[in-house]
Amino acid sequence: MREVVVSERDAGQRLDKYLQKILAKAPKGFLYKMLRKKNITLNGKKAAGGEKLQPGDAIRLFLSEETLEKFSPDAQAAQKRQKGLRPEVIYEDDQALLLNKPAGMLSQKSAARDYSLTEWLRDYLDGEGFGQNSPGFSPGVCNRLDRNTSGIVAAGKSVRAQQQLAELFKNRSLGKYYLCPVQGALKEPGRLKGYLKKSEKDNKAILCGEKEAGAAYIETAYRPLGGNGRLTLLEVELCTGKTHQIRAHLAGLGHPLVGDAKYGGAQWARVCERQWGIRCQLLHAWRLETPACDGALKALSCQAFYAELSGPFWDFLQKEHLEEFMPWKKKSERTRL
């Protein structure tokens, strides 16, 4: 018999979901059968699997060591690391983290060989018992950025914190602001509204003038920070959060992002590569504003967090003399906009 005591960070999830983590190789049918036969109990009583776990709950597994070993996660599982991509930790407490994801790194892996921000996060927290193959709650990112988009990504270190963060992103309670240089001159701020649907054929977002089947409402606000006559540096507020929303909306306005071949077209992509050596969109999630929060996220309540720019994006701004229009030039000069 093995007993597992639920920790604070694992509380809030369903019993069956927790069992699927600590006995990752066991079929779901086997787990429910063991619950029915009381070979797995919760606080000494029969359980159905849908119970929400609380700190201190005792789960007893009346299974042989051979069976437990058979269905436990593979401790020897290895993943390929992407060298040179290291996120910056912007903020961390015992419940949550905010990371500055570098361009080129996936938020979540799309293939077994990938080493994404999620795997990096679990390796980073390994000393706190969150290792890649640790049973129980596994921390993960609560918002995703495209591979070549950099900036702020939030993650929970407990079930409650992760659920609360996910809800904030879902109900649009967070202020999400991006920086991007675009083609052409823009002088006045604006707000773009419309509908967007995704083409599965080429993984491209399509703008629609009116509501139609499969299309979701989108809203994007932008503010020009400055320009050089040929290019404009924008601050963009993501009012809704759909895939490629900023890229599609600004390209539809006639001002595609620098480096954006998918929405700016082949000719614009050639210009970006020839003049600046840029082969992907320059888009950075630079500021995240939080509403009043309680519970697991109390420490994050009513704050603004910033992610520094670096690499090719920052080099480009300097080459085109756009860095002077940045909302700050040094960390000591940061101000709320």
Protein backbone atom coordinates (compact mmCIF):
# COMPACT_ATOMS: atom_id res chain seq x y z
CA MET A 1 0.00 0.00 0.00
CA ARG A 2 1.18 3.50 -0.80
CA GLU A 3 -0.26 6.71 0.64
CA VAL A 4 -0.06 10.09 -1.09
CA VAL A 5 -0.92 13.24 0.87
CA VAL A 6 -2.22 16.11 -1.25
CA SER A 7 -0.08 19.26 -1.00
CA GLU A 8 -1.26 22.85 -1.14
CA ARG A 9 -0.05 23.22 -4.73
CA ASP A 10 -1.96 20.10 -5.89
CA ALA A 11 -5.23 21.07 -4.22
CA GLY A 12 -8.18 22.17 -6.33
CA GLN A 13 -8.02 19.51 -9.05
CA ARG A 14 -10.20 16.43 -9.46
CA LEU A 15 -9.08 13.17 -7.92
CA ASP A 16 -9.19 11.30 -11.25
CA LYS A 17 -7.02 13.95 -12.95
CA TYR A 18 -4.48 13.70 -10.14
CA LEU A 19 -4.43 9.90 -10.39
CA GLN A 20 -3.75 10.16 -14.13
CA LYS A 21 -0.57 12.09 -13.27
CA ILE A 22 0.83 9.87 -10.54
CA LEU A 23 -0.12 6.71 -12.50
CA ALA A 24 0.50 8.20 -15.93
CA LYS A 25 0.76 4.87 -17.79
CA ALA A 26 -2.43 3.37 -16.37
CA PRO A 27 -5.54 3.24 -18.62
CA LYS A 28 -8.40 5.40 -17.37
CA GLY A 29 -10.61 2.34 -17.18
CA PHE A 30 -8.16 0.69 -14.77
CA LEU A 31 -8.19 3.73 -12.47
CA TYR A 32 -12.00 3.87 -12.30
CA LYS A 33 -12.13 0.12 -11.69
CA MET A 34 -9.70 0.48 -8.78
CA LEU A 35 -11.86 3.30 -7.37
CA ARG A 36 -15.02 1.17 -7.63
CA LYS A 37 -13.30 -1.77 -5.89
CA LYS A 38 -11.86 0.53 -3.19
CA ASN A 39 -8.32 -0.38 -4.19
CA ILE A 40 -7.87 3.39 -4.35
CA THR A 41 -9.51 5.40 -1.56
CA LEU A 42 -9.75 9.05 -0.54
CA ASN A 43 -9.44 9.76 3.19
CA GLY A 44 -10.23 6.12 3.91
CA LYS A 45 -13.50 6.13 1.95
CA LYS A 46 -14.70 5.01 -1.45
CA ALA A 47 -14.38 7.72 -4.10
CA ALA A 48 -15.85 8.21 -7.57
CA GLY A 49 -13.02 10.30 -9.05
CA GLY A 50 -14.79 13.63 -9.44
CA GLU A 51 -13.99 14.86 -5.92
CA LYS A 52 -12.06 18.14 -5.67
CA LEU A 53 -8.89 17.60 -3.68
CA GLN A 54 -8.07 19.64 -0.58
CA PRO A 55 -4.70 20.13 1.16
CA GLY A 56 -3.99 17.20 3.47
CA ASP A 57 -6.31 14.73 1.71
CA ALA A 58 -4.91 11.19 1.92
CA ILE A 59 -5.05 8.98 -1.16
CA ARG A 60 -4.31 5.33 -0.48
CA LEU A 61 -3.27 3.02 -3.30
CA PHE A 62 -3.83 -0.63 -2.36
CA LEU A 63 -1.73 -1.86 -5.27
CA SER A 64 1.37 -4.00 -5.48
CA GLU A 65 4.75 -2.30 -5.87
CA GLU A 66 5.05 -4.07 -9.21
CA THR A 67 1.81 -2.50 -10.42
CA LEU A 68 2.76 0.93 -9.06
CA GLU A 69 6.12 0.75 -10.80
CA LYS A 70 4.51 -0.42 -14.03
CA PHE A 71 2.15 2.55 -14.23
CA SER A 72 4.41 5.29 -12.83
CA PRO A 73 5.94 7.95 -15.14
CA ASP A 74 9.20 6.93 -16.78
CA ALA A 75 11.93 8.53 -14.69
CA GLN A 76 14.39 8.06 -17.57
CA ALA A 77 12.37 10.02 -20.14
CA ALA A 78 14.68 12.44 -21.94
CA GLN A 79 13.92 15.53 -23.96
CA LYS A 80 15.99 17.40 -26.49
CA ARG A 81 17.10 20.80 -25.19
CA GLN A 82 17.15 23.87 -27.41
CA LYS A 83 20.49 25.43 -26.56
CA GLY A 84 20.80 29.17 -26.11
CA LEU A 85 17.11 29.92 -25.45
CA ARG A 86 16.76 30.92 -21.83
CA PRO A 87 13.75 32.88 -20.57
CA GLU A 88 14.20 35.69 -18.07
CA VAL A 89 12.24 35.41 -14.81
CA ILE A 90 10.42 38.74 -14.46
CA TYR A 91 8.52 37.90 -11.28
CA GLU A 92 8.25 34.90 -8.95
CA ASP A 93 6.56 34.06 -5.67
CA ASP A 94 5.35 30.79 -4.14
CA GLN A 95 2.25 30.76 -6.38
CA ALA A 96 3.14 32.19 -9.79
CA LEU A 97 5.86 33.22 -12.22
CA LEU A 98 6.06 35.70 -15.08
CA LEU A 99 8.64 34.87 -17.75
CA ASN A 100 10.11 36.78 -20.68
CA LYS A 101 9.98 34.18 -23.47
CA PRO A 102 12.65 34.61 -26.15
CA ALA A 103 11.72 34.59 -29.82
CA GLY A 104 12.26 31.14 -31.33
CA MET A 105 11.02 29.18 -28.32
CA LEU A 106 7.70 27.35 -28.30
CA SER A 107 5.31 28.06 -25.42
CA GLN A 108 4.21 24.41 -25.47
CA LYS A 109 5.77 21.60 -27.45
CA SER A 110 4.14 20.47 -30.68
CA ALA A 111 6.23 17.31 -31.10
CA ALA A 112 7.73 14.80 -28.67
CA ARG A 113 11.28 16.01 -29.39
CA ASP A 114 10.51 19.68 -28.63
CA TYR A 115 11.89 21.43 -25.57
CA SER A 116 9.42 24.25 -24.98
CA LEU A 117 8.94 26.92 -22.34
CA THR A 118 6.81 24.43 -20.39
CA GLU A 119 9.68 21.92 -20.14
CA TRP A 120 12.11 24.72 -19.24
CA LEU A 121 9.73 25.84 -16.50
CA ARG A 122 9.56 22.37 -14.96
CA ASP A 123 13.32 22.02 -15.08
CA TYR A 124 13.71 25.47 -13.49
CA LEU A 125 11.39 24.45 -10.65
CA ASP A 126 12.89 20.97 -10.24
CA GLY A 127 14.39 21.86 -6.85
CA GLU A 128 10.89 22.61 -5.57
CA GLY A 129 9.63 19.17 -6.52
CA PHE A 130 8.24 20.10 -9.94
CA GLY A 131 10.65 18.06 -12.05
CA GLN A 132 9.78 16.77 -15.50
CA ASN A 133 8.74 13.40 -14.10
CA SER A 134 7.51 14.36 -10.64
CA PRO A 135 4.05 13.02 -9.83
CA GLY A 136 1.18 15.33 -8.99
CA PHE A 137 0.68 18.89 -10.17
CA SER A 138 2.79 19.95 -13.13
CA PRO A 139 3.22 23.70 -13.61
CA GLY A 140 2.43 25.03 -17.04
CA VAL A 141 2.00 28.26 -18.96
CA CYS A 142 -1.37 30.01 -18.80
CA ASN A 143 -1.05 31.98 -22.04
CA ARG A 144 0.75 31.21 -25.26
CA LEU A 145 2.80 33.28 -27.66
CA ASP A 146 3.77 32.26 -31.20
CA ARG A 147 7.22 30.70 -31.51
CA ASN A 148 8.73 33.90 -32.94
CA THR A 149 6.85 36.30 -30.65
CA SER A 150 8.73 37.23 -27.49
CA GLY A 151 7.57 38.62 -24.17
CA ILE A 152 5.54 37.95 -21.05
CA VAL A 153 4.13 34.50 -20.35
CA ALA A 154 2.44 33.66 -17.03
CA ALA A 155 2.63 30.34 -15.18
CA GLY A 156 1.08 28.93 -12.01
CA LYS A 157 2.99 27.03 -9.33
CA SER A 158 -0.18 25.58 -7.79
CA VAL A 159 -3.48 24.30 -9.15
CA ARG A 160 -5.37 27.25 -7.68
CA ALA A 161 -2.94 29.84 -9.05
CA GLN A 162 -2.95 28.24 -12.50
CA GLN A 163 -6.74 28.09 -12.58
CA GLN A 164 -7.02 31.70 -11.44
CA LEU A 165 -4.52 32.93 -14.02
CA ALA A 166 -6.26 30.99 -16.78
CA GLU A 167 -9.57 32.59 -15.79
CA LEU A 168 -8.04 36.10 -15.91
CA PHE A 169 -6.82 35.49 -19.47
CA LYS A 170 -10.13 33.94 -20.47
CA ASN A 171 -12.35 36.77 -19.22
CA ARG A 172 -9.97 39.49 -20.50
CA SER A 173 -9.33 40.99 -17.09
CA LEU A 174 -5.64 41.56 -17.83
CA GLY A 175 -4.18 44.48 -19.75
CA LYS A 176 -1.98 43.01 -22.52
CA TYR A 177 0.28 45.39 -24.45
CA TYR A 178 2.66 44.62 -27.32
CA LEU A 179 5.38 46.47 -29.22
CA CYS A 180 5.86 46.08 -32.97
CA PRO A 181 7.41 48.05 -35.84
CA VAL A 182 5.19 48.19 -38.93
CA GLN A 183 5.52 49.24 -42.53
CA GLY A 184 4.56 52.82 -43.38
CA ALA A 185 3.70 55.94 -41.41
CA LEU A 186 0.95 55.98 -38.80
CA LYS A 187 0.30 59.22 -36.93
CA GLU A 188 -2.96 58.74 -35.03
CA PRO A 189 -4.11 56.05 -32.60
CA GLY A 190 -6.90 53.74 -33.68
CA ARG A 191 -9.11 50.82 -32.70
CA LEU A 192 -9.74 47.99 -35.15
CA LYS A 193 -12.80 45.76 -34.92
CA GLY A 194 -13.93 42.83 -37.01
CA TYR A 195 -14.13 39.05 -37.21
CA LEU A 196 -11.45 36.45 -37.69
CA LYS A 197 -11.50 32.81 -38.65
CA LYS A 198 -8.67 30.35 -39.04
CA SER A 199 -7.75 28.56 -42.23
CA GLU A 200 -6.62 25.05 -41.29
CA LYS A 201 -5.07 24.63 -44.72
CA ASP A 202 -2.26 27.15 -44.18
CA ASN A 203 -2.64 28.00 -40.47
CA LYS A 204 -3.52 31.57 -41.37
CA ALA A 205 -6.06 33.91 -39.81
CA ILE A 206 -8.58 35.41 -42.23
CA LEU A 207 -10.27 38.74 -41.53
CA CYS A 208 -14.02 38.97 -42.14
CA GLY A 209 -16.04 42.15 -42.37
CA GLU A 210 -19.11 40.55 -40.85
CA LYS A 211 -19.98 37.70 -38.54
CA GLU A 212 -19.98 34.34 -40.32
CA ALA A 213 -19.70 30.67 -39.46
CA GLY A 214 -16.46 29.89 -37.66
CA ALA A 215 -15.49 33.54 -37.23
CA ALA A 216 -14.81 35.13 -33.81
CA TYR A 217 -15.06 38.81 -32.88
CA ILE A 218 -11.70 40.59 -32.49
CA GLU A 219 -10.69 44.04 -31.30
CA THR A 220 -7.24 45.59 -31.44
CA ALA A 221 -6.19 49.07 -30.28
CA TYR A 222 -2.93 50.72 -31.33
CA ARG A 223 -0.97 53.85 -30.51
CA PRO A 224 1.95 55.17 -32.61
CA LEU A 225 5.00 55.84 -30.47
CA GLY A 226 7.06 57.37 -33.28
CA GLY A 227 8.52 56.66 -36.70
CA ASN A 228 11.10 57.55 -39.33
CA GLY A 229 8.76 58.11 -42.26
CA ARG A 230 9.10 54.57 -43.61
CA LEU A 231 8.39 52.62 -40.42
CA THR A 232 6.33 53.20 -37.28
CA LEU A 233 6.80 51.74 -33.81
CA LEU A 234 3.42 50.87 -32.30
CA GLU A 235 2.15 49.98 -28.88
CA VAL A 236 -0.75 47.57 -29.40
CA GLU A 237 -3.39 46.61 -26.86
CA LEU A 238 -4.81 43.13 -27.37
CA CYS A 239 -8.45 43.65 -26.41
CA THR A 240 -9.37 40.11 -27.47
CA GLY A 241 -6.91 37.26 -27.81
CA LYS A 242 -7.15 35.24 -31.02
CA THR A 243 -4.39 33.51 -32.96
CA HIS A 244 -2.40 35.95 -35.14
CA GLN A 245 -4.89 38.72 -34.33
CA ILE A 246 -2.39 41.60 -34.21
CA ARG A 247 -0.57 40.44 -37.33
CA ALA A 248 -3.75 39.98 -39.38
CA HIS A 249 -5.40 43.21 -38.20
CA LEU A 250 -2.43 45.47 -38.92
CA ALA A 251 -1.72 43.82 -42.28
CA GLY A 252 -5.39 44.33 -43.15
CA LEU A 253 -4.92 48.02 -42.34
CA GLY A 254 -2.05 48.14 -44.83
CA HIS A 255 0.72 48.19 -42.21
CA PRO A 256 2.17 44.67 -41.82
CA LEU A 257 4.70 43.91 -39.09
CA VAL A 258 8.37 44.01 -39.97
CA GLY A 259 9.45 40.48 -40.93
CA ASP A 260 5.91 39.11 -41.26
CA ALA A 261 5.95 37.05 -44.45
CA LYS A 262 2.68 35.26 -43.68
CA TYR A 263 0.58 38.44 -43.59
CA GLY A 264 2.85 41.01 -45.24
CA GLY A 265 3.42 39.07 -48.44
CA ALA A 266 6.48 37.71 -50.26
CA GLN A 267 7.71 41.09 -51.51
CA TRP A 268 7.66 42.64 -48.02
CA ALA A 269 9.41 39.53 -46.65
CA ARG A 270 12.21 39.95 -49.22
CA VAL A 271 12.65 43.61 -48.24
CA CYS A 272 12.88 42.71 -44.56
CA GLU A 273 15.45 39.99 -45.16
CA ARG A 274 17.55 42.00 -47.62
CA GLN A 275 17.65 45.25 -45.62
CA TRP A 276 17.72 44.01 -42.04
CA GLY A 277 18.24 40.24 -42.09
CA ILE A 278 14.83 39.81 -40.42
CA ARG A 279 13.04 36.54 -41.29
CA CYS A 280 10.18 36.49 -38.76
CA GLN A 281 7.70 38.96 -37.32
CA LEU A 282 8.98 41.45 -34.74
CA LEU A 283 6.34 41.31 -32.02
CA HIS A 284 6.96 41.58 -28.28
CA ALA A 285 4.51 41.25 -25.39
CA TRP A 286 6.12 43.95 -23.26
CA ARG A 287 3.60 44.90 -20.57
CA LEU A 288 1.04 43.00 -18.49
CA GLU A 289 -1.34 44.80 -16.12
CA THR A 290 -3.22 42.86 -13.46
CA PRO A 291 -6.61 43.69 -11.91
CA ALA A 292 -7.43 43.44 -8.20
CA CYS A 293 -6.73 39.82 -7.23
CA ASP A 294 -7.25 37.76 -4.11
CA GLY A 295 -6.54 34.18 -3.11
CA ALA A 296 -3.47 32.61 -4.69
CA LEU A 297 -2.77 35.72 -6.79
CA LYS A 298 -3.11 38.34 -4.06
CA ALA A 299 0.55 39.36 -4.40
CA LEU A 300 0.00 40.15 -8.10
CA SER A 301 -2.93 42.49 -7.45
CA CYS A 302 -3.08 45.82 -9.36
CA GLN A 303 0.45 45.82 -10.78
CA ALA A 304 2.19 46.38 -14.10
CA PHE A 305 4.99 44.05 -15.23
CA TYR A 306 7.45 44.70 -18.05
CA ALA A 307 9.58 42.49 -20.31
CA GLU A 308 12.87 43.84 -21.65
CA LEU A 309 13.63 43.83 -25.37
CA SER A 310 16.81 42.24 -26.66
CA GLY A 311 18.34 40.42 -29.61
CA PRO A 312 17.40 41.10 -33.25
CA PHE A 313 14.35 43.16 -32.28
CA TRP A 314 16.41 45.64 -30.24
CA ASP A 315 19.18 45.67 -32.88
CA PHE A 316 16.62 46.52 -35.55
CA LEU A 317 15.21 49.44 -33.55
CA GLN A 318 18.68 50.87 -33.14
CA LYS A 319 19.51 50.50 -36.85
CA GLU A 320 16.34 52.36 -37.81
CA HIS A 321 16.66 54.93 -34.99
CA LEU A 322 13.34 53.81 -33.51
CA GLU A 323 14.73 53.03 -30.06
CA GLU A 324 14.33 56.70 -29.11
CA PHE A 325 10.55 56.20 -29.23
CA MET A 326 10.56 53.30 -26.79
CA PRO A 327 8.38 53.79 -23.68
CA TRP A 328 11.65 53.54 -21.71
CA LYS A 329 15.32 53.53 -22.59
CA LYS A 330 16.66 52.17 -19.31
CA LYS A 331 15.05 50.19 -16.52
CA SER A 332 15.38 53.21 -14.22
CA GLU A 333 13.35 55.30 -16.67
CA ARG A 334 10.26 53.06 -16.82
CA THR A 335 6.93 54.80 -16.33
CA ARG A 336 3.32 53.73 -16.63
CA LEU A 337 1.76 54.84 -19.92
